[in-house]
Amino acid sequence: MATPLVFITGASSGIGQALAARFYAAGYSLALVARRTAEIEAWAAASGLDPARCQIYGADVAQIDSIVAAGAECIAGQGLPDVVIANAGISVGMDTAQRDDLEVMAQTFATNNIGMAATFHPFVAAMAARGSGRLVGIASVAGIRGLPGHGAYCASKAGVISYCESLRGELRNSGVRVVTICPGYIDTPLTQGNRYGMPFLMQPADFAEHAVRCIEAGRAFRTIPWQMGVLAKLMRATPNALFDRAVQGRGRKRRQGE
């Protein structure tokens, strides 16, 4: 039986790295993508990964041709993956009154949204022709409701949820499963600078354990940890006036340069 293959973007740290470790332990070969390839190479060596089961690709998901080329290179060199995880993402605070922050929003969407579609692009038709595969979009609980100072990130992750839902419908009868995972607060470099409370904070390895189970089962949508899923539903059901009052004065995500 052939060794299964997983393709993961944003694999140099945080959630991406934790997912890589968990899939490797489950017997998968790895195709790991990031802009900072030296960091992945150092981690792979320190972790004792078998070079025959781990290939590293340098690409920037915000540059369409870059990530599409990495996908094509993976197919040519390692074969068609069984799982593709569009995990690469950025989170920077923004203030719409500041002209420079419009560029921040554009970069956020280029990475978190266009980058996700470009990550999936090289694999969709081939997976459908094969009749199997998992396309996994890493969204966020922040996509459920907009939070002050988080306009770019919240909007981008809401877009991820809707995009994956659309793709799931398109591929419904193809044998390809589209899985949307909404992490809550995970203890990664992306969250460590936050200036507000982070309920149900989870370690990356624990997140990866739950996420891999969901992916292999082909679940359509899952919030991890489950407690954040309950909180997200309550937030969604809260009347606007009450919700706005509740988040007033809440600490904001740091803007670029802060």
Protein backbone atom coordinates (compact mmCIF):
# COMPACT_ATOMS: atom_id res chain seq x y z
CA MET A 1 0.00 0.00 0.00
CA ALA A 2 1.38 3.42 -0.98
CA THR A 3 2.36 5.84 1.77
CA PRO A 4 -0.23 8.63 2.00
CA LEU A 5 0.94 12.19 1.32
CA VAL A 6 -0.08 15.48 2.94
CA PHE A 7 0.69 18.94 1.49
CA ILE A 8 0.75 21.71 4.13
CA THR A 9 1.31 25.45 3.66
CA GLY A 10 2.54 27.68 6.47
CA ALA A 11 4.50 24.73 7.81
CA SER A 12 7.42 26.65 9.33
CA SER A 13 5.77 27.18 12.74
CA GLY A 14 2.62 27.01 14.83
CA ILE A 15 -0.38 25.04 13.61
CA GLY A 16 1.27 24.03 10.34
CA GLN A 17 4.28 22.54 12.06
CA ALA A 18 2.11 20.74 14.62
CA LEU A 19 -0.03 19.25 11.85
CA ALA A 20 3.10 18.11 10.01
CA ALA A 21 4.39 16.33 13.11
CA ARG A 22 1.05 14.61 13.75
CA PHE A 23 0.61 13.46 10.14
CA TYR A 24 4.19 12.18 10.04
CA ALA A 25 3.57 10.17 13.21
CA ALA A 26 0.47 8.73 11.53
CA GLY A 27 2.63 7.39 8.68
CA TYR A 28 2.19 10.11 6.06
CA SER A 29 4.90 11.53 3.84
CA LEU A 30 5.13 15.31 3.99
CA ALA A 31 5.17 18.08 1.41
CA LEU A 32 5.85 21.19 3.47
CA VAL A 33 5.54 24.71 2.10
CA ALA A 34 6.64 28.04 3.53
CA ARG A 35 8.50 31.20 2.63
CA ARG A 36 11.10 30.44 5.31
CA THR A 37 12.39 27.07 4.16
CA ALA A 38 15.46 27.21 6.41
CA GLU A 39 13.20 27.04 9.47
CA ILE A 40 11.42 23.94 8.18
CA GLU A 41 14.71 22.31 7.28
CA ALA A 42 16.09 22.95 10.79
CA TRP A 43 12.91 21.60 12.41
CA ALA A 44 12.85 18.50 10.19
CA ALA A 45 16.49 17.73 11.01
CA ALA A 46 16.00 18.31 14.74
CA SER A 47 12.91 16.09 14.70
CA GLY A 48 14.76 13.28 12.93
CA LEU A 49 12.38 13.14 9.98
CA ASP A 50 13.29 10.69 7.23
CA PRO A 51 14.33 12.79 4.19
CA ALA A 52 12.69 10.18 1.95
CA ARG A 53 9.34 11.07 3.55
CA CYS A 54 9.71 14.84 3.70
CA GLN A 55 10.11 17.34 0.88
CA ILE A 56 10.25 21.09 1.41
CA TYR A 57 9.04 23.71 -1.05
CA GLY A 58 9.71 27.43 -0.90
CA ALA A 59 6.66 29.46 -1.91
CA ASP A 60 4.64 32.53 -0.97
CA VAL A 61 0.92 31.79 -1.05
CA ALA A 62 0.21 35.50 -1.62
CA GLN A 63 1.92 35.15 -5.01
CA ILE A 64 -0.36 32.97 -7.12
CA ASP A 65 2.28 31.68 -9.52
CA SER A 66 4.59 30.84 -6.61
CA ILE A 67 2.22 28.52 -4.75
CA VAL A 68 0.75 27.03 -7.95
CA ALA A 69 4.29 26.12 -9.03
CA ALA A 70 4.96 24.50 -5.66
CA GLY A 71 1.83 22.38 -6.05
CA ALA A 72 2.86 21.30 -9.54
CA GLU A 73 6.35 20.47 -8.29
CA CYS A 74 4.88 18.33 -5.51
CA ILE A 75 2.73 16.36 -7.96
CA ALA A 76 5.70 15.82 -10.27
CA GLY A 77 8.09 14.79 -7.52
CA GLN A 78 5.96 13.10 -4.87
CA GLY A 79 2.66 12.37 -6.56
CA LEU A 80 -0.86 13.62 -5.98
CA PRO A 81 -1.45 14.26 -2.25
CA ASP A 82 -4.19 12.59 -0.28
CA VAL A 83 -4.60 15.70 1.89
CA VAL A 84 -3.96 19.36 1.07
CA ILE A 85 -4.06 21.81 3.99
CA ALA A 86 -4.22 25.53 3.21
CA ASN A 87 -2.93 26.73 6.55
CA ALA A 88 -0.75 29.74 5.73
CA GLY A 89 -2.23 32.93 7.10
CA ILE A 90 -1.47 36.30 8.62
CA SER A 91 -3.19 38.33 11.33
CA VAL A 92 -2.50 42.04 11.73
CA GLY A 93 -4.71 44.66 13.36
CA MET A 94 -6.10 47.48 11.24
CA ASP A 95 -7.69 50.89 11.53
CA THR A 96 -9.72 51.87 8.47
CA ALA A 97 -8.97 55.54 9.16
CA GLN A 98 -5.28 54.86 8.44
CA ARG A 99 -4.37 54.75 4.74
CA ASP A 100 -1.49 52.31 5.25
CA ASP A 101 -3.85 49.80 6.86
CA LEU A 102 -5.73 49.40 3.59
CA GLU A 103 -2.54 47.79 2.29
CA VAL A 104 -2.57 45.54 5.35
CA MET A 105 -6.09 44.43 4.46
CA ALA A 106 -5.11 43.79 0.84
CA GLN A 107 -2.16 41.66 1.96
CA THR A 108 -4.34 39.77 4.44
CA PHE A 109 -6.83 38.85 1.73
CA ALA A 110 -4.04 37.98 -0.71
CA THR A 111 -2.62 35.53 1.82
CA ASN A 112 -5.64 34.19 3.65
CA ASN A 113 -8.14 33.99 0.77
CA ILE A 114 -6.55 34.14 -2.67
CA GLY A 115 -3.65 32.13 -1.27
CA MET A 116 -6.02 29.39 -0.15
CA ALA A 117 -7.68 29.10 -3.55
CA ALA A 118 -4.27 29.11 -5.24
CA THR A 119 -3.09 26.38 -2.86
CA PHE A 120 -6.02 24.14 -3.80
CA HIS A 121 -5.93 24.95 -7.52
CA PRO A 122 -3.21 22.48 -8.69
CA PHE A 123 -4.95 19.56 -6.98
CA VAL A 124 -8.70 19.99 -7.49
CA ALA A 125 -9.13 18.50 -10.96
CA ALA A 126 -6.65 15.66 -10.36
CA MET A 127 -8.27 14.71 -7.04
CA ALA A 128 -11.72 14.74 -8.65
CA ALA A 129 -10.45 12.54 -11.50
CA ARG A 130 -9.02 10.11 -8.94
CA GLY A 131 -12.25 10.25 -6.94
CA SER A 132 -10.67 10.91 -3.55
CA GLY A 133 -8.83 13.49 -1.46
CA ARG A 134 -9.17 16.04 1.31
CA LEU A 135 -8.95 19.80 0.79
CA VAL A 136 -8.64 21.46 4.19
CA GLY A 137 -9.16 25.17 4.82
CA ILE A 138 -7.94 26.57 8.12
CA ALA A 139 -10.42 29.29 9.06
CA SER A 140 -10.89 30.76 12.56
CA VAL A 141 -13.51 31.40 15.19
CA ALA A 142 -12.72 35.05 14.38
CA GLY A 143 -14.64 34.50 11.15
CA ILE A 144 -17.91 34.05 13.07
CA ARG A 145 -18.30 37.68 14.19
CA GLY A 146 -16.33 40.85 13.54
CA LEU A 147 -14.21 42.18 16.41
CA PRO A 148 -13.00 45.78 16.81
CA GLY A 149 -9.52 46.29 15.35
CA HIS A 150 -9.63 42.91 13.63
CA GLY A 151 -11.49 43.93 10.48
CA ALA A 152 -9.02 42.47 8.00
CA TYR A 153 -8.52 39.16 9.79
CA CYS A 154 -12.16 38.58 10.74
CA ALA A 155 -13.36 39.41 7.24
CA SER A 156 -10.74 37.15 5.66
CA LYS A 157 -11.65 34.20 7.86
CA ALA A 158 -15.36 34.72 7.26
CA GLY A 159 -14.41 34.56 3.59
CA VAL A 160 -12.54 31.30 4.16
CA ILE A 161 -15.64 29.73 5.73
CA SER A 162 -17.90 30.78 2.85
CA TYR A 163 -15.33 29.87 0.18
CA CYS A 164 -14.85 26.37 1.58
CA GLU A 165 -18.61 25.92 1.83
CA SER A 166 -18.93 26.85 -1.85
CA LEU A 167 -16.12 24.49 -2.84
CA ARG A 168 -17.65 21.71 -0.78
CA GLY A 169 -20.87 22.01 -2.77
CA GLU A 170 -19.00 22.06 -6.07
CA LEU A 171 -17.14 18.85 -5.23
CA ARG A 172 -19.98 17.05 -3.46
CA ASN A 173 -20.25 14.14 -5.89
CA SER A 174 -16.56 13.91 -6.80
CA GLY A 175 -15.28 11.88 -3.86
CA VAL A 176 -13.19 14.88 -2.72
CA ARG A 177 -14.04 16.12 0.78
CA VAL A 178 -13.67 19.78 1.69
CA VAL A 179 -12.99 20.22 5.41
CA THR A 180 -13.27 23.58 7.18
CA ILE A 181 -11.51 23.83 10.54
CA CYS A 182 -12.01 26.84 12.78
CA PRO A 183 -9.32 27.01 15.47
CA GLY A 184 -10.04 28.93 18.62
CA TYR A 185 -7.07 30.39 20.48
CA ILE A 186 -4.00 28.23 19.84
CA ASP A 187 -0.70 29.04 21.56
CA THR A 188 1.34 30.02 18.47
CA PRO A 189 3.40 33.04 17.35
CA LEU A 190 0.19 34.34 15.73
CA THR A 191 -1.55 34.70 19.10
CA GLN A 192 1.28 35.26 21.57
CA GLY A 193 1.26 39.03 21.09
CA ASN A 194 -2.48 39.41 21.69
CA ARG A 195 -3.49 42.08 24.20
CA TYR A 196 -6.68 40.44 25.45
CA GLY A 197 -7.89 37.30 27.19
CA MET A 198 -7.85 34.08 25.18
CA PRO A 199 -10.35 31.59 26.64
CA PHE A 200 -9.75 27.87 26.18
CA LEU A 201 -6.17 28.48 24.96
CA MET A 202 -4.92 25.25 23.39
CA GLN A 203 -1.46 23.87 22.70
CA PRO A 204 -0.63 23.25 19.01
CA ALA A 205 -0.03 19.51 19.47
CA ASP A 206 -3.43 19.08 21.12
CA PHE A 207 -5.07 21.04 18.32
CA ALA A 208 -3.32 18.89 15.70
CA GLU A 209 -4.51 15.68 17.36
CA HIS A 210 -8.15 16.75 17.07
CA ALA A 211 -7.71 18.28 13.61
CA VAL A 212 -6.15 15.17 12.05
CA ARG A 213 -9.06 13.05 13.27
CA CYS A 214 -11.54 15.48 11.67
CA ILE A 215 -9.59 15.56 8.42
CA GLU A 216 -9.28 11.80 8.09
CA ALA A 217 -12.99 11.45 8.85
CA GLY A 218 -13.81 14.04 6.19
CA ARG A 219 -15.86 16.24 8.54
CA ALA A 220 -17.38 19.21 6.73
CA PHE A 221 -16.88 21.75 9.53
CA ARG A 222 -15.34 21.66 12.97
CA THR A 223 -14.39 24.20 15.61
CA ILE A 224 -11.43 23.24 17.82
CA PRO A 225 -11.60 23.18 20.80
CA TRP A 226 -15.29 22.34 21.03
CA GLN A 227 -15.79 24.87 23.84
CA MET A 228 -14.99 27.66 21.38
CA GLY A 229 -17.60 26.22 19.06
CA VAL A 230 -20.24 26.65 21.76
CA LEU A 231 -19.00 30.18 22.48
CA ALA A 232 -19.03 31.03 18.77
CA LYS A 233 -22.67 29.91 18.46
CA LEU A 234 -23.59 32.06 21.44
CA MET A 235 -21.76 35.03 19.88
CA ARG A 236 -23.60 34.52 16.60
CA ALA A 237 -26.95 34.39 18.39
CA THR A 238 -26.30 37.48 20.52
CA PRO A 239 -28.30 40.54 19.38
CA ASN A 240 -26.13 43.17 17.72
CA ALA A 241 -26.70 45.85 20.36
CA LEU A 242 -25.68 43.49 23.16
CA PHE A 243 -22.71 42.13 21.22
CA ASP A 244 -21.43 45.62 20.38
CA ARG A 245 -21.66 46.62 24.03
CA ALA A 246 -19.83 43.47 25.11
CA VAL A 247 -16.82 44.05 22.83
CA GLN A 248 -16.60 47.81 23.44
CA GLY A 249 -13.21 48.61 24.95
CA ARG A 250 -11.84 45.15 24.20
CA GLY A 251 -8.12 45.04 23.49
CA ARG A 252 -7.34 45.34 19.79
CA LYS A 253 -4.97 43.34 17.64
CA ARG A 254 -1.64 45.11 17.24
CA ARG A 255 -1.34 47.11 14.06
CA GLN A 256 1.71 46.81 11.81
CA GLY A 257 4.65 48.50 13.51
CA GLU A 258 3.11 48.54 16.99
